Amino acid sequence: MSTIIRNQESLEWIRNPKHRDVFLRHLATSKENDRLSAHIVKIEKDGEIVPHTHEILEVFYIMKGEGLVLANGERVKAAAGDCIIAHPGEEHGLINTGEGEILLYAVFSPANC
């Protein structure tokens, strides 16, 4: 398989219908590989990634903004620079409580889309 170079700015924002005011840019998907998928995620002001679980690993790094992340059954403050690791079967979510949008980089293993 050939190396792929993809600039996230050239990708359209796609609304995530499972969450409130959450949009995705797909950087790497199962169409290119079966090991991981990677996305830029935007949570608009007052938006939320509602509590959910996966049967796969999810790691997300907050690049901009702040909110409350659901981790280990508690809501905890999280902000730019924080990395959250949600193991398979662990409930997690994120509410934007800041004044602007949240931008995060999310990776799933194996690929989820």
PDB file of N, CA and C in Angstrom:
ATOM      1  N   MET A   1       0.838  -1.177   0.000  1.00  0.00           N
ATOM      2  CA  MET A   1       0.000   0.000   0.000  1.00  0.00           C
ATOM      3  C   MET A   1       0.883   1.241   0.000  1.00  0.00           C
ATOM      4  N   SER A   2       0.457   2.262  -0.677  1.00  0.00           N
ATOM      5  CA  SER A   2       1.217   3.506  -0.803  1.00  0.00           C
ATOM      6  C   SER A   2       0.984   4.425   0.385  1.00  0.00           C
ATOM      7  N   THR A   3       1.974   5.255   0.661  1.00  0.00           N
ATOM      8  CA  THR A   3       1.856   6.268   1.699  1.00  0.00           C
ATOM      9  C   THR A   3       0.812   7.297   1.293  1.00  0.00           C
ATOM     10  N   ILE A   4       0.014   7.724   2.250  1.00  0.00           N
ATOM     11  CA  ILE A   4      -1.048   8.708   2.005  1.00  0.00           C
ATOM     12  C   ILE A   4      -0.707   9.979   2.766  1.00  0.00           C
ATOM     13  N   ILE A   5      -0.838  11.106   2.098  1.00  0.00           N
ATOM     14  CA  ILE A   5      -0.669  12.405   2.753  1.00  0.00           C
ATOM     15  C   ILE A   5      -2.007  13.117   2.650  1.00  0.00           C
ATOM     16  N   ARG A   6      -2.548  13.523   3.805  1.00  0.00           N
ATOM     17  CA  ARG A   6      -3.880  14.129   3.829  1.00  0.00           C
ATOM     18  C   ARG A   6      -3.831  15.338   4.753  1.00  0.00           C
ATOM     19  N   ASN A   7      -4.206  16.499   4.245  1.00  0.00           N
ATOM     20  CA  ASN A   7      -4.262  17.714   5.050  1.00  0.00           C
ATOM     21  C   ASN A   7      -5.668  17.852   5.614  1.00  0.00           C
ATOM     22  N   GLN A   8      -5.786  17.904   6.935  1.00  0.00           N
ATOM     23  CA  GLN A   8      -7.108  17.935   7.552  1.00  0.00           C
ATOM     24  C   GLN A   8      -7.919  19.163   7.143  1.00  0.00           C
ATOM     25  N   GLU A   9      -7.260  20.256   6.807  1.00  0.00           N
ATOM     26  CA  GLU A   9      -7.979  21.467   6.389  1.00  0.00           C
ATOM     27  C   GLU A   9      -8.736  21.260   5.075  1.00  0.00           C
ATOM     28  N   SER A  10      -8.323  20.281   4.284  1.00  0.00           N
ATOM     29  CA  SER A  10      -8.993  20.031   3.000  1.00  0.00           C
ATOM     30  C   SER A  10     -10.206  19.116   3.146  1.00  0.00           C
ATOM     31  N   LEU A  11     -10.446  18.592   4.350  1.00  0.00           N
ATOM     32  CA  LEU A  11     -11.554  17.667   4.574  1.00  0.00           C
ATOM     33  C   LEU A  11     -12.786  18.400   5.100  1.00  0.00           C
ATOM     34  N   GLU A  12     -13.951  17.918   4.694  1.00  0.00           N
ATOM     35  CA  GLU A  12     -15.205  18.508   5.167  1.00  0.00           C
ATOM     36  C   GLU A  12     -15.519  18.043   6.583  1.00  0.00           C
ATOM     37  N   TRP A  13     -16.197  18.910   7.330  1.00  0.00           N
ATOM     38  CA  TRP A  13     -16.704  18.513   8.640  1.00  0.00           C
ATOM     39  C   TRP A  13     -17.952  17.677   8.418  1.00  0.00           C
ATOM     40  N   ILE A  14     -18.034  16.539   9.088  1.00  0.00           N
ATOM     41  CA  ILE A  14     -19.184  15.648   8.989  1.00  0.00           C
ATOM     42  C   ILE A  14     -19.837  15.586  10.368  1.00  0.00           C
ATOM     43  N   ARG A  15     -21.124  15.857  10.416  1.00  0.00           N
ATOM     44  CA  ARG A  15     -21.851  15.819  11.697  1.00  0.00           C
ATOM     45  C   ARG A  15     -21.915  14.386  12.214  1.00  0.00           C
ATOM     46  N   ASN A  16     -21.625  14.223  13.495  1.00  0.00           N
ATOM     47  CA  ASN A  16     -21.782  12.920  14.135  1.00  0.00           C
ATOM     48  C   ASN A  16     -23.201  12.854  14.696  1.00  0.00           C
ATOM     49  N   PRO A  17     -24.060  12.012  14.121  1.00  0.00           N
ATOM     50  CA  PRO A  17     -25.478  12.004  14.533  1.00  0.00           C
ATOM     51  C   PRO A  17     -25.718  11.425  15.924  1.00  0.00           C
ATOM     52  N   LYS A  18     -24.727  10.753  16.502  1.00  0.00           N
ATOM     53  CA  LYS A  18     -24.898  10.134  17.823  1.00  0.00           C
ATOM     54  C   LYS A  18     -24.675  11.121  18.966  1.00  0.00           C
ATOM     55  N   HIS A  19     -24.084  12.274  18.660  1.00  0.00           N
ATOM     56  CA  HIS A  19     -23.712  13.222  19.705  1.00  0.00           C
ATOM     57  C   HIS A  19     -24.279  14.603  19.389  1.00  0.00           C
ATOM     58  N   ARG A  20     -24.237  15.508  20.370  1.00  0.00           N
ATOM     59  CA  ARG A  20     -24.830  16.839  20.220  1.00  0.00           C
ATOM     60  C   ARG A  20     -23.781  17.864  19.797  1.00  0.00           C
ATOM     61  N   ASP A  21     -23.964  18.432  18.601  1.00  0.00           N
ATOM     62  CA  ASP A  21     -23.082  19.479  18.071  1.00  0.00           C
ATOM     63  C   ASP A  21     -21.629  19.020  17.999  1.00  0.00           C
ATOM     64  N   VAL A  22     -21.438  17.802  17.464  1.00  0.00           N
ATOM     65  CA  VAL A  22     -20.110  17.203  17.299  1.00  0.00           C
ATOM     66  C   VAL A  22     -19.894  16.921  15.820  1.00  0.00           C
ATOM     67  N   PHE A  23     -18.701  17.311  15.317  1.00  0.00           N
ATOM     68  CA  PHE A  23     -18.362  17.154  13.909  1.00  0.00           C
ATOM     69  C   PHE A  23     -16.997  16.484  13.782  1.00  0.00           C
ATOM     70  N   LEU A  24     -16.797  15.738  12.690  1.00  0.00           N
ATOM     71  CA  LEU A  24     -15.566  14.968  12.485  1.00  0.00           C
ATOM     72  C   LEU A  24     -14.928  15.290  11.145  1.00  0.00           C
ATOM     73  N   ARG A  25     -13.617  15.193  11.117  1.00  0.00           N
ATOM     74  CA  ARG A  25     -12.838  15.126   9.881  1.00  0.00           C
ATOM     75  C   ARG A  25     -12.076  13.806   9.952  1.00  0.00           C
ATOM     76  N   HIS A  26     -12.321  12.911   9.004  1.00  0.00           N
ATOM     77  CA  HIS A  26     -11.705  11.587   9.005  1.00  0.00           C
ATOM     78  C   HIS A  26     -10.313  11.648   8.368  1.00  0.00           C
ATOM     79  N   LEU A  27      -9.282  11.435   9.167  1.00  0.00           N
ATOM     80  CA  LEU A  27      -7.902  11.460   8.672  1.00  0.00           C
ATOM     81  C   LEU A  27      -7.458  10.102   8.140  1.00  0.00           C
ATOM     82  N   ALA A  28      -7.784   9.055   8.863  1.00  0.00           N
ATOM     83  CA  ALA A  28      -7.437   7.688   8.460  1.00  0.00           C
ATOM     84  C   ALA A  28      -8.615   6.794   8.823  1.00  0.00           C
ATOM     85  N   THR A  29      -9.016   5.933   7.901  1.00  0.00           N
ATOM     86  CA  THR A  29     -10.184   5.077   8.132  1.00  0.00           C
ATOM     87  C   THR A  29      -9.869   3.631   7.755  1.00  0.00           C
ATOM     88  N   SER A  30     -10.833   2.769   8.007  1.00  0.00           N
ATOM     89  CA  SER A  30     -10.675   1.352   7.679  1.00  0.00           C
ATOM     90  C   SER A  30     -10.569   1.123   6.174  1.00  0.00           C
ATOM     91  N   LYS A  31     -10.873   2.118   5.375  1.00  0.00           N
ATOM     92  CA  LYS A  31     -10.687   1.994   3.914  1.00  0.00           C
ATOM     93  C   LYS A  31      -9.206   1.907   3.567  1.00  0.00           C
ATOM     94  N   GLU A  32      -8.343   2.520   4.420  1.00  0.00           N
ATOM     95  CA  GLU A  32      -6.905   2.512   4.167  1.00  0.00           C
ATOM     96  C   GLU A  32      -6.161   1.450   4.969  1.00  0.00           C
ATOM     97  N   ASN A  33      -6.717   1.070   6.127  1.00  0.00           N
ATOM     98  CA  ASN A  33      -6.033   0.093   6.982  1.00  0.00           C
ATOM     99  C   ASN A  33      -7.033  -0.462   7.984  1.00  0.00           C
ATOM    100  N   ASP A  34      -6.700  -1.581   8.606  1.00  0.00           N
ATOM    101  CA  ASP A  34      -7.604  -2.163   9.594  1.00  0.00           C
ATOM    102  C   ASP A  34      -7.080  -2.019  11.021  1.00  0.00           C
ATOM    103  N   ARG A  35      -5.970  -1.306  11.191  1.00  0.00           N
ATOM    104  CA  ARG A  35      -5.344  -1.212  12.517  1.00  0.00           C
ATOM    105  C   ARG A  35      -5.830  -0.040  13.346  1.00  0.00           C
ATOM    106  N   LEU A  36      -6.094   1.108  12.703  1.00  0.00           N
ATOM    107  CA  LEU A  36      -6.565   2.263  13.463  1.00  0.00           C
ATOM    108  C   LEU A  36      -7.316   3.219  12.564  1.00  0.00           C
ATOM    109  N   SER A  37      -8.141   4.036  13.205  1.00  0.00           N
ATOM    110  CA  SER A  37      -8.740   5.173  12.516  1.00  0.00           C
ATOM    111  C   SER A  37      -8.388   6.412  13.326  1.00  0.00           C
ATOM    112  N   ALA A  38      -8.254   7.538  12.646  1.00  0.00           N
ATOM    113  CA  ALA A  38      -7.863   8.792  13.288  1.00  0.00           C
ATOM    114  C   ALA A  38      -8.753   9.915  12.773  1.00  0.00           C
ATOM    115  N   HIS A  39      -9.134  10.816  13.682  1.00  0.00           N
ATOM    116  CA  HIS A  39     -10.093  11.858  13.343  1.00  0.00           C
ATOM    117  C   HIS A  39      -9.752  13.151  14.086  1.00  0.00           C
ATOM    118  N   ILE A  40     -10.066  14.272  13.462  1.00  0.00           N
ATOM    119  CA  ILE A  40     -10.120  15.550  14.155  1.00  0.00           C
ATOM    120  C   ILE A  40     -11.587  15.720  14.535  1.00  0.00           C
ATOM    121  N   VAL A  41     -11.838  16.056  15.792  1.00  0.00           N
ATOM    122  CA  VAL A  41     -13.207  16.179  16.288  1.00  0.00           C
ATOM    123  C   VAL A  41     -13.420  17.597  16.802  1.00  0.00           C
ATOM    124  N   LYS A  42     -14.552  18.187  16.418  1.00  0.00           N
ATOM    125  CA  LYS A  42     -14.929  19.527  16.890  1.00  0.00           C
ATOM    126  C   LYS A  42     -16.217  19.396  17.693  1.00  0.00           C
ATOM    127  N   ILE A  43     -16.177  19.890  18.924  1.00  0.00           N
ATOM    128  CA  ILE A  43     -17.372  19.943  19.765  1.00  0.00           C
ATOM    129  C   ILE A  43     -17.706  21.416  19.939  1.00  0.00           C
ATOM    130  N   GLU A  44     -18.831  21.826  19.409  1.00  0.00           N
ATOM    131  CA  GLU A  44     -19.198  23.230  19.501  1.00  0.00           C
ATOM    132  C   GLU A  44     -19.554  23.604  20.940  1.00  0.00           C
ATOM    133  N   LYS A  45     -19.580  24.907  21.210  1.00  0.00           N
ATOM    134  CA  LYS A  45     -19.919  25.410  22.546  1.00  0.00           C
ATOM    135  C   LYS A  45     -21.212  24.747  23.019  1.00  0.00           C
ATOM    136  N   ASP A  46     -21.207  24.229  24.241  1.00  0.00           N
ATOM    137  CA  ASP A  46     -22.330  23.526  24.863  1.00  0.00           C
ATOM    138  C   ASP A  46     -22.645  22.174  24.216  1.00  0.00           C
ATOM    139  N   GLY A  47     -21.818  21.722  23.282  1.00  0.00           N
ATOM    140  CA  GLY A  47     -22.014  20.417  22.661  1.00  0.00           C
ATOM    141  C   GLY A  47     -21.505  19.300  23.567  1.00  0.00           C
ATOM    142  N   GLU A  48     -21.797  18.049  23.150  1.00  0.00           N
ATOM    143  CA  GLU A  48     -21.421  16.929  24.004  1.00  0.00           C
ATOM    144  C   GLU A  48     -21.214  15.645  23.208  1.00  0.00           C
ATOM    145  N   ILE A  49     -20.134  14.960  23.518  1.00  0.00           N
ATOM    146  CA  ILE A  49     -19.988  13.561  23.157  1.00  0.00           C
ATOM    147  C   ILE A  49     -20.667  12.816  24.300  1.00  0.00           C
ATOM    148  N   VAL A  50     -21.859  12.290  24.049  1.00  0.00           N
ATOM    149  CA  VAL A  50     -22.645  11.688  25.121  1.00  0.00           C
ATOM    150  C   VAL A  50     -21.958  10.428  25.643  1.00  0.00           C
ATOM    151  N   PRO A  51     -22.203  10.070  26.912  1.00  0.00           N
ATOM    152  CA  PRO A  51     -21.583   8.871  27.466  1.00  0.00           C
ATOM    153  C   PRO A  51     -21.870   7.635  26.603  1.00  0.00           C
ATOM    154  N   HIS A  52     -20.800   6.868  26.343  1.00  0.00           N
ATOM    155  CA  HIS A  52     -20.911   5.680  25.497  1.00  0.00           C
ATOM    156  C   HIS A  52     -19.724   4.759  25.770  1.00  0.00           C
ATOM    157  N   THR A  53     -19.774   3.576  25.192  1.00  0.00           N
ATOM    158  CA  THR A  53     -18.669   2.622  25.283  1.00  0.00           C
ATOM    159  C   THR A  53     -18.340   2.108  23.895  1.00  0.00           C
ATOM    160  N   HIS A  54     -17.157   1.529  23.765  1.00  0.00           N
ATOM    161  CA  HIS A  54     -16.723   0.849  22.544  1.00  0.00           C
ATOM    162  C   HIS A  54     -16.136  -0.493  22.947  1.00  0.00           C
ATOM    163  N   GLU A  55     -16.061  -1.378  22.004  1.00  0.00           N
ATOM    164  CA  GLU A  55     -15.344  -2.639  22.234  1.00  0.00           C
ATOM    165  C   GLU A  55     -13.915  -2.540  21.708  1.00  0.00           C
ATOM    166  N   ILE A  56     -13.486  -1.305  21.450  1.00  0.00           N
ATOM    167  CA  ILE A  56     -12.132  -1.031  20.967  1.00  0.00           C
ATOM    168  C   ILE A  56     -11.512   0.079  21.818  1.00  0.00           C
ATOM    169  N   LEU A  57     -10.215   0.266  21.684  1.00  0.00           N
ATOM    170  CA  LEU A  57      -9.495   1.316  22.399  1.00  0.00           C
ATOM    171  C   LEU A  57      -9.732   2.669  21.732  1.00  0.00           C
ATOM    172  N   GLU A  58      -9.956   3.707  22.542  1.00  0.00           N
ATOM    173  CA  GLU A  58     -10.025   5.081  22.039  1.00  0.00           C
ATOM    174  C   GLU A  58      -9.075   5.941  22.847  1.00  0.00           C
ATOM    175  N   VAL A  59      -8.240   6.702  22.150  1.00  0.00           N
ATOM    176  CA  VAL A  59      -7.344   7.662  22.779  1.00  0.00           C
ATOM    177  C   VAL A  59      -7.635   9.017  22.146  1.00  0.00           C
ATOM    178  N   PHE A  60      -7.900  10.017  22.979  1.00  0.00           N
ATOM    179  CA  PHE A  60      -8.080  11.347  22.397  1.00  0.00           C
ATOM    180  C   PHE A  60      -7.289  12.395  23.153  1.00  0.00           C
ATOM    181  N   TYR A  61      -6.763  13.338  22.378  1.00  0.00           N
ATOM    182  CA  TYR A  61      -5.897  14.404  22.868  1.00  0.00           C
ATOM    183  C   TYR A  61      -6.595  15.734  22.594  1.00  0.00           C
ATOM    184  N   ILE A  62      -6.830  16.515  23.642  1.00  0.00           N
ATOM    185  CA  ILE A  62      -7.505  17.800  23.477  1.00  0.00           C
ATOM    186  C   ILE A  62      -6.493  18.843  23.014  1.00  0.00           C
ATOM    187  N   MET A  63      -6.716  19.378  21.829  1.00  0.00           N
ATOM    188  CA  MET A  63      -5.823  20.374  21.246  1.00  0.00           C
ATOM    189  C   MET A  63      -6.235  21.798  21.597  1.00  0.00           C
ATOM    190  N   LYS A  64      -7.551  22.006  21.808  1.00  0.00           N
ATOM    191  CA  LYS A  64      -8.067  23.353  22.054  1.00  0.00           C
ATOM    192  C   LYS A  64      -9.363  23.221  22.849  1.00  0.00           C
ATOM    193  N   GLY A  65      -9.550  24.120  23.815  1.00  0.00           N
ATOM    194  CA  GLY A  65     -10.805  24.171  24.546  1.00  0.00           C
ATOM    195  C   GLY A  65     -10.751  23.460  25.887  1.00  0.00           C
ATOM    196  N   GLU A  66     -11.923  23.404  26.527  1.00  0.00           N
ATOM    197  CA  GLU A  66     -12.021  22.783  27.843  1.00  0.00           C
ATOM    198  C   GLU A  66     -13.418  22.230  28.048  1.00  0.00           C
ATOM    199  N   GLY A  67     -13.497  21.256  28.951  1.00  0.00           N
ATOM    200  CA  GLY A  67     -14.792  20.662  29.239  1.00  0.00           C
ATOM    201  C   GLY A  67     -14.713  19.708  30.398  1.00  0.00           C
ATOM    202  N   LEU A  68     -15.759  18.898  30.520  1.00  0.00           N
ATOM    203  CA  LEU A  68     -15.835  17.874  31.548  1.00  0.00           C
ATOM    204  C   LEU A  68     -15.849  16.517  30.871  1.00  0.00           C
ATOM    205  N   VAL A  69     -14.855  15.704  31.175  1.00  0.00           N
ATOM    206  CA  VAL A  69     -14.757  14.372  30.595  1.00  0.00           C
ATOM    207  C   VAL A  69     -15.312  13.365  31.603  1.00  0.00           C
ATOM    208  N   LEU A  70     -16.061  12.402  31.097  1.00  0.00           N
ATOM    209  CA  LEU A  70     -16.542  11.313  31.936  1.00  0.00           C
ATOM    210  C   LEU A  70     -15.475  10.230  31.927  1.00  0.00           C
ATOM    211  N   ALA A  71     -14.891   9.981  33.104  1.00  0.00           N
ATOM    212  CA  ALA A  71     -13.827   8.982  33.238  1.00  0.00           C
ATOM    213  C   ALA A  71     -13.992   8.278  34.578  1.00  0.00           C
ATOM    214  N   ASN A  72     -14.010   6.957  34.527  1.00  0.00           N
ATOM    215  CA  ASN A  72     -14.141   6.162  35.754  1.00  0.00           C
ATOM    216  C   ASN A  72     -15.389   6.535  36.553  1.00  0.00           C
ATOM    217  N   GLY A  73     -16.473   6.860  35.835  1.00  0.00           N
ATOM    218  CA  GLY A  73     -17.748   7.162  36.474  1.00  0.00           C
ATOM    219  C   GLY A  73     -17.881   8.561  37.030  1.00  0.00           C
ATOM    220  N   GLU A  74     -16.884   9.427  36.824  1.00  0.00           N
ATOM    221  CA  GLU A  74     -16.917  10.799  37.345  1.00  0.00           C
ATOM    222  C   GLU A  74     -16.676  11.801  36.235  1.00  0.00           C
ATOM    223  N   ARG A  75     -17.240  13.001  36.396  1.00  0.00           N
ATOM    224  CA  ARG A  75     -16.956  14.107  35.490  1.00  0.00           C
ATOM    225  C   ARG A  75     -15.738  14.847  36.034  1.00  0.00           C
ATOM    226  N   VAL A  76     -14.711  14.980  35.190  1.00  0.00           N
ATOM    227  CA  VAL A  76     -13.447  15.589  35.583  1.00  0.00           C
ATOM    228  C   VAL A  76     -13.099  16.681  34.578  1.00  0.00           C
ATOM    229  N   LYS A  77     -12.551  17.808  35.067  1.00  0.00           N
ATOM    230  CA  LYS A  77     -12.136  18.877  34.160  1.00  0.00           C
ATOM    231  C   LYS A  77     -11.026  18.378  33.245  1.00  0.00           C
ATOM    232  N   ALA A  78     -11.122  18.756  31.980  1.00  0.00           N
ATOM    233  CA  ALA A  78     -10.094  18.437  30.988  1.00  0.00           C
ATOM    234  C   ALA A  78      -9.946  19.641  30.069  1.00  0.00           C
ATOM    235  N   ALA A  79      -8.721  19.862  29.606  1.00  0.00           N
ATOM    236  CA  ALA A  79      -8.456  21.033  28.771  1.00  0.00           C
ATOM    237  C   ALA A  79      -7.334  20.725  27.793  1.00  0.00           C
ATOM    238  N   ALA A  80      -7.051  21.699  26.937  1.00  0.00           N
ATOM    239  CA  ALA A  80      -5.981  21.553  25.945  1.00  0.00           C
ATOM    240  C   ALA A  80      -4.726  21.010  26.618  1.00  0.00           C
ATOM    241  N   GLY A  81      -4.157  19.984  25.996  1.00  0.00           N
ATOM    242  CA  GLY A  81      -2.964  19.350  26.528  1.00  0.00           C
ATOM    243  C   GLY A  81      -3.243  18.034  27.233  1.00  0.00           C
ATOM    244  N   ASP A  82      -4.515  17.768  27.555  1.00  0.00           N
ATOM    245  CA  ASP A  82      -4.864  16.516  28.233  1.00  0.00           C
ATOM    246  C   ASP A  82      -5.104  15.394  27.227  1.00  0.00           C
ATOM    247  N   CYS A  83      -4.679  14.202  27.614  1.00  0.00           N
ATOM    248  CA  CYS A  83      -4.863  12.998  26.801  1.00  0.00           C
ATOM    249  C   CYS A  83      -5.711  12.018  27.608  1.00  0.00           C
ATOM    250  N   ILE A  84      -6.775  11.510  27.010  1.00  0.00           N
ATOM    251  CA  ILE A  84      -7.689  10.593  27.678  1.00  0.00           C
ATOM    252  C   ILE A  84      -7.601   9.236  26.972  1.00  0.00           C
ATOM    253  N   ILE A  85      -7.452   8.182  27.752  1.00  0.00           N
ATOM    254  CA  ILE A  85      -7.361   6.824  27.205  1.00  0.00           C
ATOM    255  C   ILE A  85      -8.565   6.055  27.723  1.00  0.00           C
ATOM    256  N   ALA A  86      -9.470   5.690  26.825  1.00  0.00           N
ATOM    257  CA  ALA A  86     -10.671   4.932  27.188  1.00  0.00           C
ATOM    258  C   ALA A  86     -10.493   3.502  26.678  1.00  0.00           C
ATOM    259  N   HIS A  87     -10.309   2.593  27.619  1.00  0.00           N
ATOM    260  CA  HIS A  87     -10.109   1.182  27.272  1.00  0.00           C
ATOM    261  C   HIS A  87     -11.432   0.559  26.822  1.00  0.00           C
ATOM    262  N   PRO A  88     -11.377  -0.531  26.084  1.00  0.00           N
ATOM    263  CA  PRO A  88     -12.605  -1.190  25.635  1.00  0.00           C
ATOM    264  C   PRO A  88     -13.568  -1.445  26.796  1.00  0.00           C
ATOM    265  N   GLY A  89     -14.836  -1.098  26.576  1.00  0.00           N
ATOM    266  CA  GLY A  89     -15.872  -1.325  27.568  1.00  0.00           C
ATOM    267  C   GLY A  89     -16.015  -0.239  28.619  1.00  0.00           C
ATOM    268  N   GLU A  90     -15.094   0.735  28.683  1.00  0.00           N
ATOM    269  CA  GLU A  90     -15.177   1.823  29.659  1.00  0.00           C
ATOM    270  C   GLU A  90     -16.066   2.947  29.135  1.00  0.00           C
ATOM    271  N   GLU A  91     -17.041   3.353  29.946  1.00  0.00           N
ATOM    272  CA  GLU A  91     -17.914   4.461  29.546  1.00  0.00           C
ATOM    273  C   GLU A  91     -17.127   5.768  29.608  1.00  0.00           C
ATOM    274  N   HIS A  92     -17.304   6.595  28.590  1.00  0.00           N
ATOM    275  CA  HIS A  92     -16.619   7.884  28.528  1.00  0.00           C
ATOM    276  C   HIS A  92     -17.459   8.866  27.717  1.00  0.00           C
ATOM    277  N   GLY A  93     -17.171  10.141  27.869  1.00  0.00           N
ATOM    278  CA  GLY A  93     -17.867  11.201  27.147  1.00  0.00           C
ATOM    279  C   GLY A  93     -17.184  12.521  27.447  1.00  0.00           C
ATOM    280  N   LEU A  94     -17.651  13.592  26.793  1.00  0.00           N
ATOM    281  CA  LEU A  94     -17.035  14.906  26.977  1.00  0.00           C
ATOM    282  C   LEU A  94     -18.066  15.992  26.704  1.00  0.00           C
ATOM    283  N   ILE A  95     -18.256  16.880  27.678  1.00  0.00           N
ATOM    284  CA  ILE A  95     -19.145  18.030  27.535  1.00  0.00           C
ATOM    285  C   ILE A  95     -18.286  19.281  27.385  1.00  0.00           C
ATOM    286  N   ASN A  96     -18.589  20.092  26.385  1.00  0.00           N
ATOM    287  CA  ASN A  96     -17.886  21.355  26.204  1.00  0.00           C
ATOM    288  C   ASN A  96     -18.473  22.378  27.178  1.00  0.00           C
ATOM    289  N   THR A  97     -17.685  22.789  28.156  1.00  0.00           N
ATOM    290  CA  THR A  97     -18.124  23.785  29.135  1.00  0.00           C
ATOM    291  C   THR A  97     -17.405  25.118  28.957  1.00  0.00           C
ATOM    292  N   GLY A  98     -16.575  25.217  27.936  1.00  0.00           N
ATOM    293  CA  GLY A  98     -15.796  26.424  27.711  1.00  0.00           C
ATOM    294  C   GLY A  98     -16.547  27.470  26.913  1.00  0.00           C
ATOM    295  N   GLU A  99     -15.868  28.555  26.628  1.00  0.00           N
ATOM    296  CA  GLU A  99     -16.449  29.673  25.880  1.00  0.00           C
ATOM    297  C   GLU A  99     -16.386  29.483  24.364  1.00  0.00           C
ATOM    298  N   GLY A 100     -15.547  28.548  23.911  1.00  0.00           N
ATOM    299  CA  GLY A 100     -15.412  28.306  22.474  1.00  0.00           C
ATOM    300  C   GLY A 100     -15.507  26.824  22.180  1.00  0.00           C
ATOM    301  N   GLU A 101     -15.112  26.452  20.977  1.00  0.00           N
ATOM    302  CA  GLU A 101     -15.169  25.048  20.579  1.00  0.00           C
ATOM    303  C   GLU A 101     -14.030  24.245  21.202  1.00  0.00           C
ATOM    304  N   ILE A 102     -14.236  22.937  21.256  1.00  0.00           N
ATOM    305  CA  ILE A 102     -13.171  22.003  21.599  1.00  0.00           C
ATOM    306  C   ILE A 102     -12.708  21.366  20.299  1.00  0.00           C
ATOM    307  N   LEU A 103     -11.392  21.263  20.122  1.00  0.00           N
ATOM    308  CA  LEU A 103     -10.826  20.478  19.036  1.00  0.00           C
ATOM    309  C   LEU A 103      -9.999  19.372  19.660  1.00  0.00           C
ATOM    310  N   LEU A 104     -10.211  18.159  19.183  1.00  0.00           N
ATOM    311  CA  LEU A 104      -9.413  17.053  19.696  1.00  0.00           C
ATOM    312  C   LEU A 104      -9.027  16.118  18.561  1.00  0.00           C
ATOM    313  N   TYR A 105      -7.977  15.362  18.826  1.00  0.00           N
ATOM    314  CA  TYR A 105      -7.469  14.348  17.904  1.00  0.00           C
ATOM    315  C   TYR A 105      -7.807  13.007  18.527  1.00  0.00           C
ATOM    316  N   ALA A 106      -8.584  12.185  17.823  1.00  0.00           N
ATOM    317  CA  ALA A 106      -9.031  10.901  18.358  1.00  0.00           C
ATOM    318  C   ALA A 106      -8.501   9.760  17.492  1.00  0.00           C
ATOM    319  N   VAL A 107      -8.016   8.721  18.174  1.00  0.00           N
ATOM    320  CA  VAL A 107      -7.515   7.531  17.494  1.00  0.00           C
ATOM    321  C   VAL A 107      -8.230   6.319  18.091  1.00  0.00           C
ATOM    322  N   PHE A 108      -8.683   5.419  17.206  1.00  0.00           N
ATOM    323  CA  PHE A 108      -9.355   4.188  17.609  1.00  0.00           C
ATOM    324  C   PHE A 108      -8.551   3.001  17.081  1.00  0.00           C
ATOM    325  N   SER A 109      -8.434   1.974  17.914  1.00  0.00           N
ATOM    326  CA  SER A 109      -7.720   0.774  17.485  1.00  0.00           C
ATOM    327  C   SER A 109      -8.474  -0.460  17.988  1.00  0.00           C
ATOM    328  N   PRO A 110      -8.833  -1.360  17.049  1.00  0.00           N
ATOM    329  CA  PRO A 110      -8.646  -1.257  15.613  1.00  0.00           C
ATOM    330  C   PRO A 110      -9.560  -0.191  15.004  1.00  0.00           C
ATOM    331  N   ALA A 111      -9.434   0.022  13.723  1.00  0.00           N
ATOM    332  CA  ALA A 111     -10.207   1.062  13.024  1.00  0.00           C
ATOM    333  C   ALA A 111     -11.702   0.869  13.271  1.00  0.00           C
ATOM    334  N   ASN A 112     -12.417   2.002  13.495  1.00  0.00           N
ATOM    335  CA  ASN A 112     -13.844   1.911  13.749  1.00  0.00           C
ATOM    336  C   ASN A 112     -14.708   2.394  12.596  1.00  0.00           C
ATOM    337  N   CYS A 113     -14.118   2.957  11.567  1.00  0.00           N
ATOM    338  CA  CYS A 113     -14.906   3.367  10.402  1.00  0.00           C
ATOM    339  C   CYS A 113     -14.019   3.443   9.175  1.00  0.00           C
TER     340      CYS A 113
END
